[in-house]
Amino acid sequence: MGNRNTDQDKNRNSGAFITWILVASLLVSAIPPLVGLYLVKKKDVPFDKLGPFGDFFAGSTVPVLTLVGSIGVIITLRMQRQQLEMQRQELQHSLEEMRETRNEIKEQGRTMALQRFESTFFNMLNLHNDIVKSLSLRDDEKTITGRETFMVLFNRFDTNYKFQVVKEEVRNKPYIKQLQHVYDIVYKNLEHRFGHYYGNLDRVLNIIDRANLTQEEKNDYIGILRAQLTSFEVTLLLYYGLSNHGQSLLQLMQKYDFLGEIEAGQLIAPDQDIELYRTYRL
């Protein structure tokens, strides 16, 4: 702002100087006719005798007037250059303000998008916990509810695998087909109880995956979701992902290493199961 004021002061001073030069030029150019009139009227000098005087005066004043005019042109060009520089600086300042405004708008848009995402994410997280609380299974004439149902479900899966794998038609299948066969048997009668649990997890992971977030931010929200799960939930998620029902969820779990460190003691064949979880594609 101070520089702009200084430039404006300089331009005003230069303009006053040019005005003064123009006035002085007019005064100087008025001297010959005034002197000529004085000589004719007061000194009775014949008009035809003023030629040498006019030639002398013109020869001595024209170079001065030409110099004065050249100085005026130079000063005018300098003023125009200063004005152009001022305009360039003002334009640059306007562009910087526009960039700052654009960045502020982008930041505000990102903040609003993050707020909408977090609202959706934590609502889905609350829904996940509500779904877990609503789960129930009958086991030995008892009703098991909440997170304990996953331990019961895993025990059923483990027991069924040991029972089925001794059958020749199952034993001769590749290991992944054995797991899928057994999971279909267990899951068939429980899909109405656990289907919405897996469906909600799949949806939450999809929301994180599609959000306009950095990878670090996505990993943070993945970590928050992962922290909600018990070890039996993690184990069953592995087998659900390898089953014929969980391919969509498996791809997202693989992408973000969602299950992390899995307790090998809860797996049927730890090395094979973990390798399948990390590499299996339908």
C-alpha atoms as a PDB file:
ATOM      1  CA  MET A   1       0.000   0.000   0.000  1.00  0.00           C
ATOM      2  CA  GLY A   2       2.871   2.395   0.888  1.00  0.00           C
ATOM      3  CA  ASN A   3       4.578   1.734  -2.445  1.00  0.00           C
ATOM      4  CA  ARG A   4       1.386   2.478  -4.353  1.00  0.00           C
ATOM      5  CA  ASN A   5       0.991   5.791  -2.507  1.00  0.00           C
ATOM      6  CA  THR A   6       4.601   6.713  -3.262  1.00  0.00           C
ATOM      7  CA  ASP A   7       4.110   5.960  -6.964  1.00  0.00           C
ATOM      8  CA  GLN A   8       0.961   8.056  -7.023  1.00  0.00           C
ATOM      9  CA  ASP A   9       2.809  10.982  -5.398  1.00  0.00           C
ATOM     10  CA  LYS A  10       5.558  10.689  -8.008  1.00  0.00           C
ATOM     11  CA  ASN A  11       2.996  10.705 -10.809  1.00  0.00           C
ATOM     12  CA  ARG A  12       1.328  13.823  -9.374  1.00  0.00           C
ATOM     13  CA  ASN A  13       4.695  15.605  -9.094  1.00  0.00           C
ATOM     14  CA  SER A  14       5.617  14.602 -12.644  1.00  0.00           C
ATOM     15  CA  GLY A  15       2.274  15.855 -13.908  1.00  0.00           C
ATOM     16  CA  ALA A  16       2.766  19.212 -12.162  1.00  0.00           C
ATOM     17  CA  PHE A  17       6.246  19.487 -13.672  1.00  0.00           C
ATOM     18  CA  ILE A  18       4.929  18.840 -17.192  1.00  0.00           C
ATOM     19  CA  THR A  19       2.209  21.451 -16.652  1.00  0.00           C
ATOM     20  CA  TRP A  20       4.850  23.934 -15.557  1.00  0.00           C
ATOM     21  CA  ILE A  21       6.933  23.170 -18.662  1.00  0.00           C
ATOM     22  CA  LEU A  22       3.940  23.693 -20.947  1.00  0.00           C
ATOM     23  CA  VAL A  23       3.120  27.031 -19.287  1.00  0.00           C
ATOM     24  CA  ALA A  24       6.754  28.126 -19.516  1.00  0.00           C
ATOM     25  CA  SER A  25       6.855  27.103 -23.201  1.00  0.00           C
ATOM     26  CA  LEU A  26       3.750  29.147 -23.940  1.00  0.00           C
ATOM     27  CA  LEU A  27       5.230  32.151 -22.146  1.00  0.00           C
ATOM     28  CA  VAL A  28       8.507  31.865 -24.020  1.00  0.00           C
ATOM     29  CA  SER A  29       6.708  31.460 -27.353  1.00  0.00           C
ATOM     30  CA  ALA A  30       4.679  34.629 -26.566  1.00  0.00           C
ATOM     31  CA  ILE A  31       7.789  36.795 -26.060  1.00  0.00           C
ATOM     32  CA  PRO A  32       8.723  37.390 -29.768  1.00  0.00           C
ATOM     33  CA  PRO A  33       5.339  38.804 -30.829  1.00  0.00           C
ATOM     34  CA  LEU A  34       5.120  40.912 -27.679  1.00  0.00           C
ATOM     35  CA  VAL A  35       8.611  42.313 -28.195  1.00  0.00           C
ATOM     36  CA  GLY A  36       7.838  42.929 -31.870  1.00  0.00           C
ATOM     37  CA  LEU A  37       4.670  44.831 -30.984  1.00  0.00           C
ATOM     38  CA  TYR A  38       6.599  46.850 -28.389  1.00  0.00           C
ATOM     39  CA  LEU A  39       9.261  47.842 -30.907  1.00  0.00           C
ATOM     40  CA  VAL A  40       6.728  48.786 -33.561  1.00  0.00           C
ATOM     41  CA  LYS A  41       4.481  50.785 -31.212  1.00  0.00           C
ATOM     42  CA  LYS A  42       6.981  52.386 -28.850  1.00  0.00           C
ATOM     43  CA  LYS A  43      10.253  52.640 -30.800  1.00  0.00           C
ATOM     44  CA  ASP A  44       8.794  53.314 -34.216  1.00  0.00           C
ATOM     45  CA  VAL A  45      10.771  50.482 -35.692  1.00  0.00           C
ATOM     46  CA  PRO A  46       9.421  49.681 -39.158  1.00  0.00           C
ATOM     47  CA  PHE A  47       7.712  46.329 -39.284  1.00  0.00           C
ATOM     48  CA  ASP A  48       9.810  45.221 -42.228  1.00  0.00           C
ATOM     49  CA  LYS A  49      12.929  45.713 -40.110  1.00  0.00           C
ATOM     50  CA  LEU A  50      11.891  43.092 -37.554  1.00  0.00           C
ATOM     51  CA  GLY A  51      12.925  40.192 -39.788  1.00  0.00           C
ATOM     52  CA  PRO A  52      16.511  39.941 -38.426  1.00  0.00           C
ATOM     53  CA  PHE A  53      15.163  40.188 -34.868  1.00  0.00           C
ATOM     54  CA  GLY A  54      12.682  37.406 -35.541  1.00  0.00           C
ATOM     55  CA  ASP A  55      15.339  35.215 -37.125  1.00  0.00           C
ATOM     56  CA  PHE A  56      17.656  35.774 -34.147  1.00  0.00           C
ATOM     57  CA  PHE A  57      14.970  35.118 -31.590  1.00  0.00           C
ATOM     58  CA  ALA A  58      13.697  32.014 -33.399  1.00  0.00           C
ATOM     59  CA  GLY A  59      17.198  30.652 -33.782  1.00  0.00           C
ATOM     60  CA  SER A  60      17.898  31.099 -30.082  1.00  0.00           C
ATOM     61  CA  THR A  61      14.558  29.938 -28.667  1.00  0.00           C
ATOM     62  CA  VAL A  62      13.518  27.094 -30.959  1.00  0.00           C
ATOM     63  CA  PRO A  63      16.286  24.737 -29.691  1.00  0.00           C
ATOM     64  CA  VAL A  64      15.272  25.585 -26.133  1.00  0.00           C
ATOM     65  CA  LEU A  65      11.633  24.868 -26.869  1.00  0.00           C
ATOM     66  CA  THR A  66      12.587  21.662 -28.661  1.00  0.00           C
ATOM     67  CA  LEU A  67      14.624  20.563 -25.631  1.00  0.00           C
ATOM     68  CA  VAL A  68      11.754  21.450 -23.322  1.00  0.00           C
ATOM     69  CA  GLY A  69       9.363  19.464 -25.537  1.00  0.00           C
ATOM     70  CA  SER A  70      11.722  16.471 -25.571  1.00  0.00           C
ATOM     71  CA  ILE A  71      11.959  16.597 -21.769  1.00  0.00           C
ATOM     72  CA  GLY A  72       8.173  16.688 -21.606  1.00  0.00           C
ATOM     73  CA  VAL A  73       7.919  13.641 -23.892  1.00  0.00           C
ATOM     74  CA  ILE A  74      10.480  11.740 -21.803  1.00  0.00           C
ATOM     75  CA  ILE A  75       8.660  12.568 -18.579  1.00  0.00           C
ATOM     76  CA  THR A  76       5.330  11.555 -20.162  1.00  0.00           C
ATOM     77  CA  LEU A  77       6.760   8.214 -21.258  1.00  0.00           C
ATOM     78  CA  ARG A  78       8.190   7.715 -17.778  1.00  0.00           C
ATOM     79  CA  MET A  79       4.812   8.462 -16.228  1.00  0.00           C
ATOM     80  CA  GLN A  80       3.138   5.978 -18.569  1.00  0.00           C
ATOM     81  CA  ARG A  81       5.714   3.349 -17.639  1.00  0.00           C
ATOM     82  CA  GLN A  82       5.089   3.997 -13.949  1.00  0.00           C
ATOM     83  CA  GLN A  83       1.347   3.766 -14.491  1.00  0.00           C
ATOM     84  CA  LEU A  84       1.775   0.485 -16.371  1.00  0.00           C
ATOM     85  CA  GLU A  85       3.962  -0.830 -13.546  1.00  0.00           C
ATOM     86  CA  MET A  86       1.315   0.213 -11.017  1.00  0.00           C
ATOM     87  CA  GLN A  87      -1.351  -1.554 -13.068  1.00  0.00           C
ATOM     88  CA  ARG A  88       0.841  -4.656 -13.300  1.00  0.00           C
ATOM     89  CA  GLN A  89       1.385  -4.652  -9.535  1.00  0.00           C
ATOM     90  CA  GLU A  90      -2.319  -4.153  -8.873  1.00  0.00           C
ATOM     91  CA  LEU A  91      -3.134  -6.983 -11.278  1.00  0.00           C
ATOM     92  CA  GLN A  92      -0.580  -9.214  -9.551  1.00  0.00           C
ATOM     93  CA  HIS A  93      -2.064  -8.298  -6.194  1.00  0.00           C
ATOM     94  CA  SER A  94      -5.558  -9.103  -7.489  1.00  0.00           C
ATOM     95  CA  LEU A  95      -4.357 -12.476  -8.808  1.00  0.00           C
ATOM     96  CA  GLU A  96      -2.773 -13.294  -5.439  1.00  0.00           C
ATOM     97  CA  GLU A  97      -6.005 -12.369  -3.664  1.00  0.00           C
ATOM     98  CA  MET A  98      -7.951 -14.560  -6.094  1.00  0.00           C
ATOM     99  CA  ARG A  99      -5.590 -17.485  -5.467  1.00  0.00           C
ATOM    100  CA  GLU A 100      -5.912 -17.022  -1.705  1.00  0.00           C
ATOM    101  CA  THR A 101      -9.695 -16.861  -2.011  1.00  0.00           C
ATOM    102  CA  ARG A 102      -9.738 -19.988  -4.187  1.00  0.00           C
ATOM    103  CA  ASN A 103      -7.537 -21.856  -1.688  1.00  0.00           C
ATOM    104  CA  GLU A 104      -9.804 -20.762   1.161  1.00  0.00           C
ATOM    105  CA  ILE A 105     -12.869 -21.975  -0.745  1.00  0.00           C
ATOM    106  CA  LYS A 106     -11.163 -25.307  -1.484  1.00  0.00           C
ATOM    107  CA  GLU A 107     -10.178 -25.675   2.175  1.00  0.00           C
ATOM    108  CA  GLN A 108     -13.711 -24.832   3.305  1.00  0.00           C
ATOM    109  CA  GLY A 109     -15.094 -27.360   0.819  1.00  0.00           C
ATOM    110  CA  ARG A 110     -12.704 -30.038   2.088  1.00  0.00           C
ATOM    111  CA  THR A 111     -13.606 -29.239   5.703  1.00  0.00           C
ATOM    112  CA  MET A 112     -17.319 -29.534   4.933  1.00  0.00           C
ATOM    113  CA  ALA A 113     -16.758 -32.785   3.022  1.00  0.00           C
ATOM    114  CA  LEU A 114     -14.760 -34.187   5.956  1.00  0.00           C
ATOM    115  CA  GLN A 115     -17.524 -33.203   8.374  1.00  0.00           C
ATOM    116  CA  ARG A 116     -20.135 -34.957   6.202  1.00  0.00           C
ATOM    117  CA  PHE A 117     -17.921 -38.034   5.944  1.00  0.00           C
ATOM    118  CA  GLU A 118     -17.311 -38.181   9.706  1.00  0.00           C
ATOM    119  CA  SER A 119     -21.015 -37.777  10.407  1.00  0.00           C
ATOM    120  CA  THR A 120     -21.793 -40.721   8.108  1.00  0.00           C
ATOM    121  CA  PHE A 121     -18.863 -42.795   9.378  1.00  0.00           C
ATOM    122  CA  PHE A 122     -19.669 -42.480  13.076  1.00  0.00           C
ATOM    123  CA  ASN A 123     -23.373 -43.055  12.456  1.00  0.00           C
ATOM    124  CA  MET A 124     -22.444 -46.293  10.661  1.00  0.00           C
ATOM    125  CA  LEU A 125     -20.106 -47.168  13.521  1.00  0.00           C
ATOM    126  CA  ASN A 126     -22.939 -46.705  16.008  1.00  0.00           C
ATOM    127  CA  LEU A 127     -25.142 -48.856  13.790  1.00  0.00           C
ATOM    128  CA  HIS A 128     -22.432 -51.543  13.741  1.00  0.00           C
ATOM    129  CA  ASN A 129     -22.372 -51.657  17.546  1.00  0.00           C
ATOM    130  CA  ASP A 130     -26.171 -51.711  17.687  1.00  0.00           C
ATOM    131  CA  ILE A 131     -26.205 -54.654  15.265  1.00  0.00           C
ATOM    132  CA  VAL A 132     -23.692 -56.535  17.431  1.00  0.00           C
ATOM    133  CA  LYS A 133     -25.831 -55.959  20.525  1.00  0.00           C
ATOM    134  CA  SER A 134     -28.895 -57.306  18.717  1.00  0.00           C
ATOM    135  CA  LEU A 135     -27.255 -60.620  17.696  1.00  0.00           C
ATOM    136  CA  SER A 136     -28.408 -63.777  19.462  1.00  0.00           C
ATOM    137  CA  LEU A 137     -27.913 -67.568  19.162  1.00  0.00           C
ATOM    138  CA  ARG A 138     -29.218 -70.593  20.980  1.00  0.00           C
ATOM    139  CA  ASP A 139     -26.425 -72.747  22.408  1.00  0.00           C
ATOM    140  CA  ASP A 140     -26.986 -75.677  24.772  1.00  0.00           C
ATOM    141  CA  GLU A 141     -30.458 -74.454  25.638  1.00  0.00           C
ATOM    142  CA  LYS A 142     -29.058 -71.012  26.427  1.00  0.00           C
ATOM    143  CA  THR A 143     -29.469 -67.796  24.518  1.00  0.00           C
ATOM    144  CA  ILE A 144     -26.141 -66.143  23.719  1.00  0.00           C
ATOM    145  CA  THR A 145     -26.246 -62.454  22.789  1.00  0.00           C
ATOM    146  CA  GLY A 146     -23.928 -59.729  21.639  1.00  0.00           C
ATOM    147  CA  ARG A 147     -20.257 -60.343  20.930  1.00  0.00           C
ATOM    148  CA  GLU A 148     -20.311 -63.780  22.566  1.00  0.00           C
ATOM    149  CA  THR A 149     -22.289 -65.039  19.564  1.00  0.00           C
ATOM    150  CA  PHE A 150     -19.115 -64.898  17.443  1.00  0.00           C
ATOM    151  CA  MET A 151     -17.355 -67.400  19.694  1.00  0.00           C
ATOM    152  CA  VAL A 152     -20.350 -69.740  19.389  1.00  0.00           C
ATOM    153  CA  LEU A 153     -20.472 -69.274  15.628  1.00  0.00           C
ATOM    154  CA  PHE A 154     -16.750 -69.997  15.271  1.00  0.00           C
ATOM    155  CA  ASN A 155     -17.067 -73.149  17.369  1.00  0.00           C
ATOM    156  CA  ARG A 156     -19.866 -74.326  15.072  1.00  0.00           C
ATOM    157  CA  PHE A 157     -17.733 -73.625  12.023  1.00  0.00           C
ATOM    158  CA  ASP A 158     -14.710 -75.435  13.499  1.00  0.00           C
ATOM    159  CA  THR A 159     -16.817 -78.435  14.571  1.00  0.00           C
ATOM    160  CA  ASN A 160     -18.497 -78.675  11.165  1.00  0.00           C
ATOM    161  CA  TYR A 161     -15.162 -78.517   9.366  1.00  0.00           C
ATOM    162  CA  LYS A 162     -13.759 -81.410  11.391  1.00  0.00           C
ATOM    163  CA  PHE A 163     -16.935 -83.371  10.741  1.00  0.00           C
ATOM    164  CA  GLN A 164     -17.140 -82.656   7.016  1.00  0.00           C
ATOM    165  CA  VAL A 165     -13.462 -83.022   6.111  1.00  0.00           C
ATOM    166  CA  VAL A 166     -13.486 -86.738   6.927  1.00  0.00           C
ATOM    167  CA  LYS A 167     -16.041 -87.283   4.193  1.00  0.00           C
ATOM    168  CA  GLU A 168     -14.407 -88.407   0.970  1.00  0.00           C
ATOM    169  CA  GLU A 169     -16.311 -85.978  -1.268  1.00  0.00           C
ATOM    170  CA  VAL A 170     -15.082 -83.099   0.902  1.00  0.00           C
ATOM    171  CA  ARG A 171     -11.598 -84.408   1.676  1.00  0.00           C
ATOM    172  CA  ASN A 172     -10.735 -84.662  -2.045  1.00  0.00           C
ATOM    173  CA  LYS A 173     -11.570 -81.003  -2.695  1.00  0.00           C
ATOM    174  CA  PRO A 174      -8.911 -78.227  -2.683  1.00  0.00           C
ATOM    175  CA  TYR A 175      -8.563 -76.658   0.751  1.00  0.00           C
ATOM    176  CA  ILE A 176     -10.305 -73.393  -0.231  1.00  0.00           C
ATOM    177  CA  LYS A 177     -13.287 -75.393  -1.534  1.00  0.00           C
ATOM    178  CA  GLN A 178     -13.441 -77.311   1.754  1.00  0.00           C
ATOM    179  CA  LEU A 179     -13.674 -74.022   3.675  1.00  0.00           C
ATOM    180  CA  GLN A 180     -16.337 -72.649   1.348  1.00  0.00           C
ATOM    181  CA  HIS A 181     -18.349 -75.867   1.537  1.00  0.00           C
ATOM    182  CA  VAL A 182     -18.350 -75.861   5.342  1.00  0.00           C
ATOM    183  CA  TYR A 183     -19.060 -72.140   5.589  1.00  0.00           C
ATOM    184  CA  ASP A 184     -22.080 -72.536   3.305  1.00  0.00           C
ATOM    185  CA  ILE A 185     -23.464 -75.201   5.633  1.00  0.00           C
ATOM    186  CA  VAL A 186     -23.040 -73.055   8.750  1.00  0.00           C
ATOM    187  CA  TYR A 187     -24.033 -69.741   7.196  1.00  0.00           C
ATOM    188  CA  LYS A 188     -27.127 -71.075   5.413  1.00  0.00           C
ATOM    189  CA  ASN A 189     -29.214 -71.157   8.565  1.00  0.00           C
ATOM    190  CA  LEU A 190     -27.720 -67.995  10.097  1.00  0.00           C
ATOM    191  CA  GLU A 191     -27.667 -65.546   7.191  1.00  0.00           C
ATOM    192  CA  HIS A 192     -30.799 -63.812   8.475  1.00  0.00           C
ATOM    193  CA  ARG A 193     -28.978 -63.155  11.762  1.00  0.00           C
ATOM    194  CA  PHE A 194     -25.497 -62.193  10.578  1.00  0.00           C
ATOM    195  CA  GLY A 195     -26.074 -60.965   7.016  1.00  0.00           C
ATOM    196  CA  HIS A 196     -26.726 -57.361   8.059  1.00  0.00           C
ATOM    197  CA  TYR A 197     -23.607 -57.451  10.281  1.00  0.00           C
ATOM    198  CA  TYR A 198     -21.323 -58.278   7.341  1.00  0.00           C
ATOM    199  CA  GLY A 199     -23.275 -56.025   4.999  1.00  0.00           C
ATOM    200  CA  ASN A 200     -22.819 -53.037   7.315  1.00  0.00           C
ATOM    201  CA  LEU A 201     -19.067 -53.670   7.644  1.00  0.00           C
ATOM    202  CA  ASP A 202     -18.793 -53.896   3.872  1.00  0.00           C
ATOM    203  CA  ARG A 203     -20.622 -50.595   3.510  1.00  0.00           C
ATOM    204  CA  VAL A 204     -18.455 -48.797   6.098  1.00  0.00           C
ATOM    205  CA  LEU A 205     -15.265 -49.957   4.368  1.00  0.00           C
ATOM    206  CA  ASN A 206     -16.670 -48.813   1.028  1.00  0.00           C
ATOM    207  CA  ILE A 207     -17.468 -45.375   2.457  1.00  0.00           C
ATOM    208  CA  ILE A 208     -13.873 -45.019   3.680  1.00  0.00           C
ATOM    209  CA  ASP A 209     -12.443 -46.352   0.423  1.00  0.00           C
ATOM    210  CA  ARG A 210     -14.418 -43.895  -1.742  1.00  0.00           C
ATOM    211  CA  ALA A 211     -13.938 -40.855   0.491  1.00  0.00           C
ATOM    212  CA  ASN A 212     -11.751 -37.967  -0.674  1.00  0.00           C
ATOM    213  CA  LEU A 213      -9.149 -38.594   2.025  1.00  0.00           C
ATOM    214  CA  THR A 214      -5.413 -39.072   2.144  1.00  0.00           C
ATOM    215  CA  GLN A 215      -4.144 -42.605   2.608  1.00  0.00           C
ATOM    216  CA  GLU A 216      -3.059 -41.743   6.135  1.00  0.00           C
ATOM    217  CA  GLU A 217      -6.532 -40.450   6.990  1.00  0.00           C
ATOM    218  CA  LYS A 218      -8.147 -43.579   5.527  1.00  0.00           C
ATOM    219  CA  ASN A 219      -5.833 -45.756   7.606  1.00  0.00           C
ATOM    220  CA  ASP A 220      -6.857 -43.822  10.732  1.00  0.00           C
ATOM    221  CA  TYR A 221     -10.569 -44.483  10.143  1.00  0.00           C
ATOM    222  CA  ILE A 222      -9.835 -48.103   9.235  1.00  0.00           C
ATOM    223  CA  GLY A 223      -8.036 -48.384  12.570  1.00  0.00           C
ATOM    224  CA  ILE A 224     -11.045 -46.962  14.435  1.00  0.00           C
ATOM    225  CA  LEU A 225     -13.334 -49.524  12.792  1.00  0.00           C
ATOM    226  CA  ARG A 226     -10.865 -52.382  13.366  1.00  0.00           C
ATOM    227  CA  ALA A 227     -10.693 -51.513  17.064  1.00  0.00           C
ATOM    228  CA  GLN A 228     -14.394 -52.419  17.420  1.00  0.00           C
ATOM    229  CA  LEU A 229     -13.774 -56.096  16.594  1.00  0.00           C
ATOM    230  CA  THR A 230     -13.035 -59.004  18.928  1.00  0.00           C
ATOM    231  CA  SER A 231     -10.589 -61.759  17.995  1.00  0.00           C
ATOM    232  CA  PHE A 232     -13.426 -64.157  17.096  1.00  0.00           C
ATOM    233  CA  GLU A 233     -14.985 -61.508  14.854  1.00  0.00           C
ATOM    234  CA  VAL A 234     -11.655 -61.124  13.063  1.00  0.00           C
ATOM    235  CA  THR A 235     -11.340 -64.888  12.584  1.00  0.00           C
ATOM    236  CA  LEU A 236     -14.876 -65.223  11.228  1.00  0.00           C
ATOM    237  CA  LEU A 237     -14.331 -62.228   8.931  1.00  0.00           C
ATOM    238  CA  LEU A 238     -11.396 -64.097   7.401  1.00  0.00           C
ATOM    239  CA  TYR A 239     -13.525 -67.161   6.655  1.00  0.00           C
ATOM    240  CA  TYR A 240     -16.466 -65.034   5.541  1.00  0.00           C
ATOM    241  CA  GLY A 241     -14.192 -63.223   3.085  1.00  0.00           C
ATOM    242  CA  LEU A 242     -12.921 -66.551   1.702  1.00  0.00           C
ATOM    243  CA  SER A 243     -16.453 -67.915   1.382  1.00  0.00           C
ATOM    244  CA  ASN A 244     -18.767 -67.546  -1.593  1.00  0.00           C
ATOM    245  CA  HIS A 245     -20.544 -64.681   0.194  1.00  0.00           C
ATOM    246  CA  GLY A 246     -17.755 -62.254   1.097  1.00  0.00           C
ATOM    247  CA  GLN A 247     -15.686 -61.501  -1.999  1.00  0.00           C
ATOM    248  CA  SER A 248     -16.544 -57.784  -2.004  1.00  0.00           C
ATOM    249  CA  LEU A 249     -15.582 -57.441   1.640  1.00  0.00           C
ATOM    250  CA  LEU A 250     -12.443 -59.574   1.166  1.00  0.00           C
ATOM    251  CA  GLN A 251     -11.080 -57.222  -1.509  1.00  0.00           C
ATOM    252  CA  LEU A 252     -11.399 -54.220   0.799  1.00  0.00           C
ATOM    253  CA  MET A 253      -9.912 -56.122   3.736  1.00  0.00           C
ATOM    254  CA  GLN A 254      -6.939 -57.102   1.578  1.00  0.00           C
ATOM    255  CA  LYS A 255      -6.503 -53.569   0.262  1.00  0.00           C
ATOM    256  CA  TYR A 256      -6.252 -52.058   3.755  1.00  0.00           C
ATOM    257  CA  ASP A 257      -4.914 -55.123   5.614  1.00  0.00           C
ATOM    258  CA  PHE A 258      -8.028 -54.703   7.710  1.00  0.00           C
ATOM    259  CA  LEU A 259      -7.642 -57.812   9.861  1.00  0.00           C
ATOM    260  CA  GLY A 260      -4.036 -57.007  10.780  1.00  0.00           C
ATOM    261  CA  GLU A 261      -2.374 -59.535  13.060  1.00  0.00           C
ATOM    262  CA  ILE A 262      -4.677 -62.551  13.314  1.00  0.00           C
ATOM    263  CA  GLU A 263      -4.468 -64.949  16.250  1.00  0.00           C
ATOM    264  CA  ALA A 264      -3.121 -68.085  14.610  1.00  0.00           C
ATOM    265  CA  GLY A 265      -4.410 -70.303  17.418  1.00  0.00           C
ATOM    266  CA  GLN A 266      -7.993 -69.668  16.346  1.00  0.00           C
ATOM    267  CA  LEU A 267      -7.433 -70.715  12.718  1.00  0.00           C
ATOM    268  CA  ILE A 268      -8.013 -74.159  11.245  1.00  0.00           C
ATOM    269  CA  ALA A 269      -4.763 -74.130   9.260  1.00  0.00           C
ATOM    270  CA  PRO A 270      -2.934 -70.933  10.245  1.00  0.00           C
ATOM    271  CA  ASP A 271      -0.328 -70.711   7.478  1.00  0.00           C
ATOM    272  CA  GLN A 272      -2.744 -71.641   4.690  1.00  0.00           C
ATOM    273  CA  ASP A 273      -5.559 -69.475   6.024  1.00  0.00           C
ATOM    274  CA  ILE A 274      -3.419 -66.336   6.357  1.00  0.00           C
ATOM    275  CA  GLU A 275      -1.863 -66.862   2.918  1.00  0.00           C
ATOM    276  CA  LEU A 276      -5.316 -67.327   1.374  1.00  0.00           C
ATOM    277  CA  TYR A 277      -6.595 -64.214   3.136  1.00  0.00           C
ATOM    278  CA  ARG A 278      -3.764 -62.110   1.700  1.00  0.00           C
ATOM    279  CA  THR A 279      -3.777 -63.479  -1.857  1.00  0.00           C
ATOM    280  CA  TYR A 280      -7.089 -65.201  -2.697  1.00  0.00           C
ATOM    281  CA  ARG A 281      -9.121 -63.971  -5.668  1.00  0.00           C
ATOM    282  CA  LEU A 282     -12.378 -65.561  -6.793  1.00  0.00           C
END
